[in-house]
Amino acid sequence: MGVLDHITTTVSRGWQNHNNAVLPWGFQEIPPERQGLRGEYDYHGLAKRVLRCYHDNFRKADLAQLTVQQRGRVISLQGRVSSYHHLQQLTQLALTTPGTARVETHRVVVLAPIAAASV
């Protein structure tokens, strides 16, 4: 028996793909809620990308009292914002970020009350 007649492989802490099987779709790509700022896997990637959008579109002072958290595809905002209009803008921007399914704002305090409509 020659050297190339028999090959032994050992897989340690890994997975061996026999017969070049195609993996199901869910294992071929990083889910959008787990993609980081540069497309890499990041468990909190969605929250980081939403926060990046906020920093690109709002002044630092507008975001100083706001926290962005992620639970799967849900973005949770906490803290204080200057107005209801500002909160709506933050919510819409988060919803346009790929991977966001819902935005929770029940832990946000709006500092300026909604102006009463004139009758």
Protein backbone atom coordinates (compact mmCIF):
# COMPACT_ATOMS: atom_id res chain seq x y z
CA MET A 1 0.00 0.00 0.00
CA GLY A 2 1.49 3.34 -1.14
CA VAL A 3 1.43 6.61 0.72
CA LEU A 4 -1.42 8.04 -1.39
CA ASP A 5 -3.57 4.88 -1.28
CA HIS A 6 -5.07 5.64 2.10
CA ILE A 7 -5.88 9.00 3.70
CA THR A 8 -7.19 9.39 7.22
CA THR A 9 -8.81 12.62 8.37
CA THR A 10 -9.64 13.72 11.87
CA VAL A 11 -12.14 16.47 12.63
CA SER A 12 -11.72 18.07 16.01
CA ARG A 13 -14.19 20.70 17.26
CA GLY A 14 -15.56 21.12 13.81
CA TRP A 15 -17.99 19.90 11.24
CA GLN A 16 -17.19 18.01 8.08
CA ASN A 17 -19.40 18.51 5.03
CA HIS A 18 -19.63 15.13 3.27
CA ASN A 19 -20.59 14.95 -0.43
CA ASN A 20 -20.45 18.76 -0.76
CA ALA A 21 -23.97 19.06 0.66
CA VAL A 22 -25.61 22.45 0.28
CA LEU A 23 -26.44 24.05 3.60
CA PRO A 24 -29.95 25.41 4.21
CA TRP A 25 -30.34 29.14 3.47
CA GLY A 26 -30.40 30.06 7.16
CA PHE A 27 -26.82 28.88 7.60
CA GLN A 28 -25.34 30.60 4.55
CA GLU A 29 -25.82 34.24 5.51
CA ILE A 30 -25.66 36.39 8.59
CA PRO A 31 -29.19 37.46 9.60
CA PRO A 32 -29.68 41.21 9.06
CA GLU A 33 -30.21 41.85 12.77
CA ARG A 34 -26.78 40.31 13.47
CA GLN A 35 -24.77 42.19 10.83
CA GLY A 36 -22.29 44.65 12.23
CA LEU A 37 -21.17 48.02 10.93
CA ARG A 38 -18.91 46.42 8.29
CA GLY A 39 -21.10 43.39 7.46
CA GLU A 40 -19.41 41.07 9.97
CA TYR A 41 -21.31 38.94 12.51
CA ASP A 42 -22.14 41.04 15.56
CA TYR A 43 -24.72 39.95 18.13
CA HIS A 44 -25.68 43.61 18.75
CA GLY A 45 -25.12 44.68 15.14
CA LEU A 46 -28.60 46.07 14.53
CA ALA A 47 -28.41 48.39 17.57
CA LYS A 48 -24.98 49.60 16.46
CA ARG A 49 -26.18 50.29 12.92
CA VAL A 50 -29.26 52.18 14.19
CA LEU A 51 -27.06 54.23 16.52
CA ARG A 52 -24.72 54.99 13.60
CA CYS A 53 -27.73 56.26 11.58
CA TYR A 54 -28.77 58.43 14.52
CA HIS A 55 -25.29 59.95 14.79
CA ASP A 56 -25.26 60.63 11.04
CA ASN A 57 -28.65 62.40 11.13
CA PHE A 58 -28.93 64.13 14.53
CA ARG A 59 -26.82 66.39 16.69
CA LYS A 60 -24.90 64.80 19.54
CA ALA A 61 -26.91 66.87 22.04
CA ASP A 62 -30.16 65.39 20.68
CA LEU A 63 -28.92 61.88 21.47
CA ALA A 64 -27.16 62.54 24.78
CA GLN A 65 -29.98 61.14 26.94
CA LEU A 66 -30.99 58.28 24.64
CA THR A 67 -30.04 54.60 24.85
CA VAL A 68 -30.49 52.15 21.97
CA GLN A 69 -30.84 48.45 22.79
CA GLN A 70 -31.61 45.41 20.70
CA ARG A 71 -33.63 42.26 21.37
CA GLY A 72 -33.49 40.16 18.22
CA ARG A 73 -35.09 42.25 15.46
CA VAL A 74 -36.64 44.70 17.97
CA ILE A 75 -35.01 48.04 18.76
CA SER A 76 -35.78 49.43 22.20
CA LEU A 77 -35.28 53.13 22.86
CA GLN A 78 -34.86 54.42 26.42
CA GLY A 79 -34.20 57.83 27.88
CA ARG A 80 -35.34 61.36 27.10
CA VAL A 81 -36.01 63.21 23.86
CA SER A 82 -36.82 66.85 23.26
CA SER A 83 -40.16 66.42 21.48
CA TYR A 84 -42.69 63.95 20.16
CA HIS A 85 -41.66 64.92 16.61
CA HIS A 86 -38.05 64.00 17.42
CA LEU A 87 -39.21 60.62 18.77
CA GLN A 88 -41.16 59.98 15.55
CA GLN A 89 -38.06 60.76 13.48
CA LEU A 90 -35.95 58.39 15.58
CA THR A 91 -38.55 55.64 15.24
CA GLN A 92 -38.86 56.03 11.46
CA LEU A 93 -35.09 56.00 10.99
CA ALA A 94 -34.77 52.82 13.06
CA LEU A 95 -37.53 51.16 11.03
CA THR A 96 -35.69 51.90 7.79
CA THR A 97 -32.56 50.12 9.04
CA PRO A 98 -32.40 46.60 7.51
CA GLY A 99 -33.23 43.97 10.12
CA THR A 100 -35.58 46.07 12.24
CA ALA A 101 -39.04 44.56 12.70
CA ARG A 102 -40.35 46.85 15.46
CA VAL A 103 -39.29 49.82 17.59
CA GLU A 104 -40.33 50.05 21.24
CA THR A 105 -40.54 53.55 22.72
CA HIS A 106 -42.47 52.98 25.95
CA ARG A 107 -39.37 53.80 28.03
CA VAL A 108 -38.84 57.19 26.38
CA VAL A 109 -39.82 60.40 28.16
CA VAL A 110 -40.79 63.29 25.89
CA LEU A 111 -39.69 66.56 27.48
CA ALA A 112 -41.88 68.96 25.43
CA PRO A 113 -45.59 68.23 25.55
CA ILE A 114 -47.60 67.90 22.36
CA ALA A 115 -49.05 71.28 21.42
CA ALA A 116 -52.82 71.37 21.59
CA ALA A 117 -54.51 71.86 18.24
CA SER A 118 -56.26 75.18 17.77
CA VAL A 119 -60.02 74.93 17.30
